[in-house]
Amino acid sequence: MIAVIADDFTGAAEIGGVGLQRGLKVLIETMVSGTGNPDLLVIVSDTRSMEVEKAKEKIKTLTSQLLKLKPRFIYKKLDSVLRGNIYEELISQQEVEGKKRVIVIPANPHFNRIIKDGIYYVEEVSLAETSFANDPEFPLTSSKVADIIGNDPSLINCLNVTEELPESGFIVGNVLSDTDLKNWAKRIDDQSVFGGGAGFFEAVLNLEFAPKIRRGSLQIADGQKALFIFGSTFPKTVEFITRLKTGGMAFINLSEEYFQDWGHRKGDIDEMAENIAGWLNQDRKVVVTTIFSDSPGVEISPELVRQEIGLLVKKVFQLAEINELYIEGGATASQIMRNLNISHLTPVRELDYGIIQMKVEAYPGLNLITKPGSYSWPDCVIPDSN
């Protein structure tokens, strides 16, 4: 068995899709149950937005639990642009495993995300000059990976794949191409804790498992009750929003005003849930977004947004039987999973890179489809215009 600890839910699903493509039996859990006998076990730690000390303790606990299952190795799935408690979580895993080195390969040339001379670039633009710089939880002021990872930048070694590895330490690999990813995968040994994005995990698996299953498609059928929750703060294009509206979907945007006045929130949530359930029960597809204005001085806690979305979805599930639930954004997905008491999922189809359809043990009639916030939805999940 191969084990993965993923710091958010959509990252876990993305890893599941990589295994699924290679014919592996995949299980995604929010806790280590030791059941199911999977080839690939992915644990959602949900530590990206945690306080550092809590994140460290959770990683230590999960690593200890996984080691009891005697996995071939434990891969640490990180955010590909290094948001979260990167250094602290990997060092915590290293301490439990007793390994000498940490090797991190976050870049993914598939999405034109590369690291050159220790500088992160997206589409040939340095990371701190992209929209990732404005992330409300993890704003970036530097494109240097040593600065982004934090702690003490002097402890971070950025190396090319051809350079000699130090006996110990924390190493981030420069990656310019898929060939670099493949060559980094070949350098992994049993004295290294290794992690990074889905692209690097794919390169690691490719050393043994060739892709054998083609990506599938999922068309929303008439009469299916489909709910889309777009909780990610990643910008939505006007074209995308227009496609949703012209595709016959009911469209709801929870603006900043919705989250500002906690005093009357409960009644508003009940009313909103009833409206959504009413549309679903009329076989309308419903899209819920959280697009805020650019008004200065308006700050809404991302944690509050996630909590209220989780509560709203829970209430909708109490009022309507949902056949398809689409969630954008890992933190949003984790919150919804907690509210719905979902802890065991089985990936069944990869619709596109990182976009995974899953079956849910607690809701047998539900298809759950998740997507990282910065990826694009494939055409197959957006209805054609009427």
Protein backbone atom coordinates (compact mmCIF):
# COMPACT_ATOMS: atom_id res chain seq x y z
CA MET A 1 0.00 0.00 0.00
CA ILE A 2 1.07 3.57 -0.75
CA ALA A 3 -0.07 6.27 1.67
CA VAL A 4 -0.55 9.99 1.11
CA ILE A 5 -1.26 12.78 3.57
CA ALA A 6 -2.98 15.66 1.76
CA ASP A 7 -3.31 19.04 3.42
CA ASP A 8 -6.70 19.78 1.85
CA PHE A 9 -9.63 17.88 0.38
CA THR A 10 -9.38 18.71 -3.33
CA GLY A 11 -5.67 17.89 -3.20
CA ALA A 12 -6.56 14.48 -1.77
CA ALA A 13 -9.09 13.92 -4.56
CA GLU A 14 -6.53 14.99 -7.15
CA ILE A 15 -4.08 12.41 -5.82
CA GLY A 16 -6.89 9.84 -5.90
CA GLY A 17 -7.38 10.59 -9.58
CA VAL A 18 -3.69 9.96 -10.28
CA GLY A 19 -3.97 6.54 -8.66
CA LEU A 20 -7.28 5.80 -10.36
CA GLN A 21 -5.76 6.46 -13.79
CA ARG A 22 -3.18 3.80 -13.06
CA GLY A 23 -5.72 1.16 -12.08
CA LEU A 24 -5.11 1.39 -8.34
CA LYS A 25 -7.82 0.81 -5.77
CA VAL A 26 -8.11 4.17 -4.03
CA LEU A 27 -9.65 5.11 -0.70
CA ILE A 28 -9.90 8.67 0.63
CA GLU A 29 -10.46 9.12 4.36
CA THR A 30 -10.50 11.95 6.86
CA MET A 31 -9.06 9.61 9.50
CA VAL A 32 -6.94 6.47 9.45
CA SER A 33 -9.37 3.58 9.80
CA GLY A 34 -7.13 0.72 8.67
CA THR A 35 -9.98 -0.77 6.63
CA GLY A 36 -10.74 -1.23 2.95
CA ASN A 37 -7.40 -2.74 1.87
CA PRO A 38 -6.65 -0.05 -0.76
CA ASP A 39 -3.63 0.13 -3.04
CA LEU A 40 -3.54 3.88 -2.44
CA LEU A 41 -4.76 5.37 0.84
CA VAL A 42 -5.17 9.15 0.89
CA ILE A 43 -5.74 10.86 4.22
CA VAL A 44 -7.16 14.39 4.30
CA SER A 45 -5.34 16.17 7.10
CA ASP A 46 -7.10 19.52 6.45
CA THR A 47 -4.08 21.25 7.98
CA ARG A 48 -3.45 23.97 5.41
CA SER A 49 -5.44 26.61 7.30
CA MET A 50 -4.69 25.30 10.80
CA GLU A 51 -2.60 27.07 13.40
CA VAL A 52 0.98 25.84 13.17
CA GLU A 53 1.12 23.89 16.43
CA LYS A 54 -2.17 22.11 15.74
CA ALA A 55 -1.02 21.25 12.23
CA LYS A 56 2.26 19.81 13.51
CA GLU A 57 0.52 17.63 16.07
CA LYS A 58 -1.98 16.33 13.55
CA ILE A 59 0.74 15.41 11.07
CA LYS A 60 2.67 13.58 13.79
CA THR A 61 -0.45 11.65 14.78
CA LEU A 62 -1.41 10.73 11.21
CA THR A 63 2.15 9.71 10.34
CA SER A 64 2.35 7.45 13.39
CA GLN A 65 -1.00 5.87 12.55
CA LEU A 66 -0.03 5.28 8.93
CA LEU A 67 3.32 3.73 9.84
CA LYS A 68 1.42 1.05 11.76
CA LEU A 69 -0.16 0.02 8.44
CA LYS A 70 3.36 -0.52 7.00
CA PRO A 71 2.96 1.49 3.78
CA ARG A 72 5.67 1.34 1.13
CA PHE A 73 6.09 5.09 1.58
CA ILE A 74 4.16 8.13 2.78
CA TYR A 75 3.90 10.99 0.30
CA LYS A 76 3.05 14.48 1.57
CA LYS A 77 0.68 16.23 -0.84
CA LEU A 78 1.12 19.99 -0.62
CA ASP A 79 -0.44 22.96 -2.30
CA SER A 80 1.38 23.41 -5.61
CA VAL A 81 2.01 27.11 -4.87
CA LEU A 82 3.14 26.40 -1.31
CA ARG A 83 0.25 27.80 0.73
CA GLY A 84 -0.02 26.45 4.24
CA ASN A 85 2.36 25.14 6.93
CA ILE A 86 4.79 23.58 4.48
CA TYR A 87 8.02 23.50 6.48
CA GLU A 88 6.46 22.64 9.83
CA GLU A 89 4.34 19.78 8.53
CA LEU A 90 7.15 18.14 6.60
CA ILE A 91 9.60 18.44 9.47
CA SER A 92 6.98 16.89 11.78
CA GLN A 93 6.59 13.96 9.41
CA GLN A 94 10.36 13.64 9.13
CA GLU A 95 10.76 13.47 12.90
CA VAL A 96 8.21 10.64 13.20
CA GLU A 97 9.63 8.67 10.27
CA GLY A 98 13.22 9.20 11.37
CA LYS A 99 14.42 10.17 7.89
CA LYS A 100 17.52 12.29 7.13
CA ARG A 101 16.20 14.61 4.41
CA VAL A 102 13.07 16.36 3.19
CA ILE A 103 12.68 16.74 -0.58
CA VAL A 104 9.89 18.98 -1.87
CA ILE A 105 8.92 19.20 -5.55
CA PRO A 106 5.89 21.52 -5.78
CA ALA A 107 6.17 22.71 -9.40
CA ASN A 108 3.90 21.32 -12.11
CA PRO A 109 4.93 22.06 -15.71
CA HIS A 110 1.53 20.74 -16.88
CA PHE A 111 0.08 24.04 -15.61
CA ASN A 112 3.17 26.06 -16.53
CA ARG A 113 4.16 26.28 -12.86
CA ILE A 114 7.93 26.03 -12.63
CA ILE A 115 10.73 26.82 -10.20
CA LYS A 116 13.92 28.25 -11.66
CA ASP A 117 16.87 29.18 -9.44
CA GLY A 118 14.59 29.10 -6.42
CA ILE A 119 12.02 31.50 -7.97
CA TYR A 120 8.46 30.29 -8.60
CA TYR A 121 6.83 31.22 -11.92
CA VAL A 122 3.28 30.72 -13.18
CA GLU A 123 2.81 31.19 -16.92
CA GLU A 124 6.27 32.85 -16.99
CA VAL A 125 5.17 35.42 -14.37
CA SER A 126 6.79 35.39 -10.92
CA LEU A 127 4.33 34.08 -8.34
CA ALA A 128 4.07 37.27 -6.28
CA GLU A 129 2.86 39.11 -9.40
CA THR A 130 -0.02 36.71 -10.10
CA SER A 131 -3.52 36.52 -8.59
CA PHE A 132 -2.11 34.11 -5.99
CA ALA A 133 -0.51 37.13 -4.34
CA ASN A 134 -3.98 38.34 -3.30
CA ASP A 135 -5.08 35.16 -1.56
CA PRO A 136 -6.94 36.35 1.59
CA GLU A 137 -5.39 33.63 3.78
CA PHE A 138 -1.95 33.25 2.22
CA PRO A 139 -0.96 36.53 0.55
CA LEU A 140 2.42 36.43 -1.16
CA THR A 141 5.04 39.16 -0.96
CA SER A 142 7.89 37.14 -2.48
CA SER A 143 8.36 34.68 -5.32
CA LYS A 144 11.36 33.01 -3.67
CA VAL A 145 10.36 29.55 -2.50
CA ALA A 146 12.61 29.86 0.56
CA ASP A 147 10.68 32.96 1.64
CA ILE A 148 7.26 31.44 0.87
CA ILE A 149 7.95 28.29 2.84
CA GLY A 150 8.98 30.50 5.72
CA ASN A 151 10.54 29.53 9.00
CA ASP A 152 14.21 30.34 8.43
CA PRO A 153 14.89 30.74 4.66
CA SER A 154 18.54 29.87 5.26
CA LEU A 155 17.42 26.31 6.08
CA ILE A 156 15.90 25.82 2.60
CA ASN A 157 18.20 24.51 -0.14
CA CYS A 158 16.97 25.04 -3.72
CA LEU A 159 18.77 22.58 -5.98
CA ASN A 160 18.74 21.46 -9.59
CA VAL A 161 18.04 17.80 -10.20
CA THR A 162 21.63 17.24 -11.39
CA GLU A 163 23.19 18.60 -8.19
CA GLU A 164 24.42 16.39 -5.38
CA LEU A 165 21.98 15.99 -2.51
CA PRO A 166 23.19 16.97 0.95
CA GLU A 167 23.27 14.23 3.56
CA SER A 168 20.50 16.00 5.47
CA GLY A 169 18.36 19.10 5.30
CA PHE A 170 15.28 20.58 3.62
CA ILE A 171 15.53 20.59 -0.18
CA VAL A 172 13.23 22.20 -2.75
CA GLY A 173 13.80 21.07 -6.32
CA ASN A 174 14.04 23.43 -9.28
CA VAL A 175 11.77 22.12 -12.04
CA LEU A 176 11.56 23.49 -15.58
CA SER A 177 10.04 20.52 -17.40
CA ASP A 178 8.36 17.15 -17.11
CA THR A 179 11.81 15.62 -17.60
CA ASP A 180 12.97 17.35 -14.42
CA LEU A 181 9.98 15.88 -12.57
CA LYS A 182 10.84 12.40 -13.80
CA ASN A 183 14.48 12.76 -12.83
CA TRP A 184 13.60 14.04 -9.35
CA ALA A 185 11.34 11.00 -8.90
CA LYS A 186 14.30 8.76 -9.69
CA ARG A 187 16.33 10.39 -6.90
CA ILE A 188 13.94 9.49 -4.11
CA ASP A 189 15.36 7.04 -1.57
CA ASP A 190 14.36 5.49 1.76
CA GLN A 191 16.24 8.19 3.70
CA SER A 192 14.05 11.00 2.37
CA VAL A 193 10.60 12.27 3.25
CA PHE A 194 9.24 13.55 -0.02
CA GLY A 195 6.26 15.57 -1.06
CA GLY A 196 4.94 18.19 -3.41
CA GLY A 197 2.14 18.60 -5.89
CA ALA A 198 0.13 16.06 -7.83
CA GLY A 199 2.50 16.36 -10.78
CA PHE A 200 5.43 15.02 -8.77
CA PHE A 201 3.33 12.22 -7.28
CA GLU A 202 2.36 11.26 -10.81
CA ALA A 203 6.05 11.12 -11.75
CA VAL A 204 6.76 8.93 -8.72
CA LEU A 205 3.95 6.50 -9.59
CA ASN A 206 5.03 6.40 -13.23
CA LEU A 207 8.23 4.67 -12.16
CA GLU A 208 6.09 1.59 -11.54
CA PHE A 209 2.54 2.16 -12.77
CA ALA A 210 1.83 3.32 -16.31
CA PRO A 211 -1.47 5.13 -16.96
CA LYS A 212 -4.01 2.64 -18.23
CA ILE A 213 -7.45 4.26 -17.73
CA ARG A 214 -8.51 7.21 -19.84
CA ARG A 215 -10.25 10.19 -18.31
CA GLY A 216 -14.05 9.92 -18.38
CA SER A 217 -16.86 12.41 -18.63
CA LEU A 218 -19.94 13.13 -16.59
CA GLN A 219 -22.95 14.73 -18.22
CA ILE A 220 -25.61 16.19 -15.97
CA ALA A 221 -28.78 14.30 -16.87
CA ASP A 222 -32.25 15.79 -16.90
CA GLY A 223 -34.01 15.26 -13.59
CA GLN A 224 -30.77 15.09 -11.61
CA LYS A 225 -30.60 17.43 -8.64
CA ALA A 226 -27.19 19.10 -9.00
CA LEU A 227 -25.74 21.64 -6.60
CA PHE A 228 -22.56 23.58 -7.39
CA ILE A 229 -20.65 25.25 -4.55
CA PHE A 230 -17.88 27.58 -5.69
CA GLY A 231 -16.21 28.53 -2.44
CA SER A 232 -12.76 29.28 -3.81
CA THR A 233 -11.56 32.90 -3.86
CA PHE A 234 -9.81 32.27 -7.17
CA PRO A 235 -11.24 34.75 -9.72
CA LYS A 236 -14.08 33.57 -11.96
CA THR A 237 -14.13 34.79 -15.53
CA VAL A 238 -17.12 36.70 -16.90
CA GLU A 239 -17.35 34.09 -19.66
CA PHE A 240 -17.62 31.26 -17.12
CA ILE A 241 -20.35 32.99 -15.09
CA THR A 242 -22.26 33.76 -18.29
CA ARG A 243 -22.13 30.10 -19.31
CA LEU A 244 -23.61 29.10 -15.97
CA LYS A 245 -26.45 31.57 -16.26
CA THR A 246 -27.28 30.79 -19.89
CA GLY A 247 -27.10 27.05 -19.18
CA GLY A 248 -30.43 27.21 -17.34
CA MET A 249 -28.96 27.11 -13.85
CA ALA A 250 -30.33 29.02 -10.88
CA PHE A 251 -27.52 31.34 -9.83
CA ILE A 252 -26.96 32.61 -6.28
CA ASN A 253 -24.08 34.81 -5.20
CA LEU A 254 -23.38 35.18 -1.48
CA SER A 255 -21.85 38.67 -1.44
CA GLU A 256 -19.99 40.22 1.47
CA GLU A 257 -23.25 41.66 2.80
CA TYR A 258 -24.52 38.14 3.37
CA PHE A 259 -21.68 37.44 5.80
CA GLN A 260 -21.42 40.79 7.56
CA ASP A 261 -24.37 40.74 9.98
CA TRP A 262 -24.21 37.64 12.19
CA GLY A 263 -27.25 38.77 14.19
CA HIS A 264 -29.81 37.71 11.63
CA ARG A 265 -27.75 35.00 9.93
CA LYS A 266 -29.70 31.93 11.06
CA GLY A 267 -32.99 33.07 9.59
CA ASP A 268 -31.31 34.07 6.35
CA ILE A 269 -29.57 30.70 6.08
CA ASP A 270 -32.87 28.87 6.57
CA GLU A 271 -34.56 30.99 3.91
CA MET A 272 -31.67 30.55 1.48
CA ALA A 273 -31.63 26.77 2.04
CA GLU A 274 -35.38 26.57 1.40
CA ASN A 275 -35.01 28.53 -1.84
CA ILE A 276 -32.18 26.29 -3.05
CA ALA A 277 -34.08 23.13 -2.11
CA GLY A 278 -37.16 24.47 -3.89
CA TRP A 279 -35.22 24.95 -7.13
CA LEU A 280 -33.59 21.54 -6.80
CA ASN A 281 -36.94 19.87 -6.25
CA GLN A 282 -38.10 21.50 -9.50
CA ASP A 283 -35.12 19.85 -11.24
CA ARG A 284 -33.22 23.12 -11.56
CA LYS A 285 -29.45 23.02 -11.24
CA VAL A 286 -28.24 25.49 -8.61
CA VAL A 287 -24.94 27.37 -8.47
CA VAL A 288 -23.79 29.07 -5.25
CA THR A 289 -20.80 31.42 -5.50
CA THR A 290 -18.98 33.78 -3.14
CA ILE A 291 -17.89 36.61 -5.39
CA PHE A 292 -17.13 39.75 -3.40
CA SER A 293 -16.87 43.32 -4.65
CA ASP A 294 -13.61 45.23 -4.71
CA SER A 295 -14.86 47.74 -2.14
CA PRO A 296 -12.00 48.88 0.09
CA GLY A 297 -12.20 48.28 3.82
CA VAL A 298 -14.47 45.22 3.55
CA GLU A 299 -12.81 42.19 5.13
CA ILE A 300 -14.66 38.89 5.57
CA SER A 301 -12.98 36.03 7.40
CA PRO A 302 -12.44 33.07 5.04
CA GLU A 303 -13.16 30.79 8.00
CA LEU A 304 -16.57 32.44 8.51
CA VAL A 305 -17.37 32.04 4.82
CA ARG A 306 -16.51 28.33 4.95
CA GLN A 307 -18.50 27.74 8.13
CA GLU A 308 -21.63 29.37 6.76
CA ILE A 309 -21.38 27.60 3.42
CA GLY A 310 -21.00 24.30 5.26
CA LEU A 311 -24.08 25.06 7.34
CA LEU A 312 -26.05 26.13 4.27
CA VAL A 313 -25.21 22.91 2.39
CA LYS A 314 -26.14 20.81 5.42
CA LYS A 315 -29.56 22.47 5.58
CA VAL A 316 -30.11 21.97 1.84
CA PHE A 317 -29.31 18.27 2.21
CA GLN A 318 -31.99 18.06 4.91
CA LEU A 319 -34.57 19.51 2.49
CA ALA A 320 -33.69 17.87 -0.84
CA GLU A 321 -32.13 14.65 -2.08
CA ILE A 322 -29.10 15.76 -4.09
CA ASN A 323 -27.72 13.54 -6.82
CA GLU A 324 -24.65 15.53 -7.77
CA LEU A 325 -22.61 17.88 -5.58
CA TYR A 326 -19.83 19.90 -7.21
CA ILE A 327 -17.40 21.70 -4.91
CA GLU A 328 -14.64 24.11 -5.87
CA GLY A 329 -11.95 24.82 -3.28
CA GLY A 330 -10.27 22.44 -0.86
CA ALA A 331 -11.04 24.26 2.40
CA THR A 332 -14.68 24.64 1.37
CA ALA A 333 -14.88 20.94 0.52
CA SER A 334 -13.41 19.95 3.89
CA GLN A 335 -15.91 22.11 5.75
CA ILE A 336 -18.82 20.60 3.83
CA MET A 337 -17.52 17.08 4.47
CA ARG A 338 -17.43 17.81 8.20
CA ASN A 339 -20.96 19.22 8.18
CA LEU A 340 -22.28 16.21 6.28
CA ASN A 341 -20.28 13.70 8.40
CA ILE A 342 -18.51 12.32 5.34
CA SER A 343 -15.30 10.46 6.18
CA HIS A 344 -14.92 7.68 3.56
CA LEU A 345 -14.92 8.26 -0.21
CA THR A 346 -14.07 6.16 -3.24
CA PRO A 347 -12.85 7.90 -6.42
CA VAL A 348 -14.53 6.37 -9.47
CA ARG A 349 -13.62 8.67 -12.36
CA GLU A 350 -11.18 11.44 -13.24
CA LEU A 351 -13.11 13.94 -15.38
CA ASP A 352 -10.08 16.10 -16.08
CA TYR A 353 -6.74 16.84 -14.44
CA GLY A 354 -7.45 17.16 -10.71
CA ILE A 355 -11.24 16.99 -11.12
CA ILE A 356 -12.53 13.80 -9.56
CA GLN A 357 -15.91 12.08 -9.25
CA MET A 358 -16.35 10.12 -6.02
CA LYS A 359 -18.87 7.85 -4.38
CA VAL A 360 -19.71 8.62 -0.77
CA GLU A 361 -20.28 5.83 1.72
CA ALA A 362 -22.68 7.92 3.83
CA TYR A 363 -24.77 9.01 0.81
CA PRO A 364 -25.13 6.08 -1.62
CA GLY A 365 -27.10 8.07 -4.22
CA LEU A 366 -24.65 10.97 -4.37
CA ASN A 367 -21.94 11.74 -6.90
CA LEU A 368 -19.39 14.13 -5.39
CA ILE A 369 -17.15 16.05 -7.78
CA THR A 370 -14.37 18.29 -6.45
CA LYS A 371 -11.91 20.69 -8.05
CA PRO A 372 -8.99 22.77 -6.77
CA GLY A 373 -9.83 26.46 -6.88
CA SER A 374 -7.24 27.47 -9.47
CA TYR A 375 -8.14 24.74 -11.99
CA SER A 376 -10.84 25.09 -14.66
CA TRP A 377 -14.06 23.10 -14.81
CA PRO A 378 -14.23 20.82 -17.87
CA ASP A 379 -16.95 21.44 -20.43
CA CYS A 380 -18.68 18.18 -19.54
CA VAL A 381 -20.02 19.53 -16.23
CA ILE A 382 -21.43 22.81 -17.57
CA PRO A 383 -24.85 22.50 -19.28
CA ASP A 384 -25.19 23.71 -22.84
CA SER A 385 -27.00 27.00 -23.37
CA ASN A 386 -30.72 26.75 -23.95
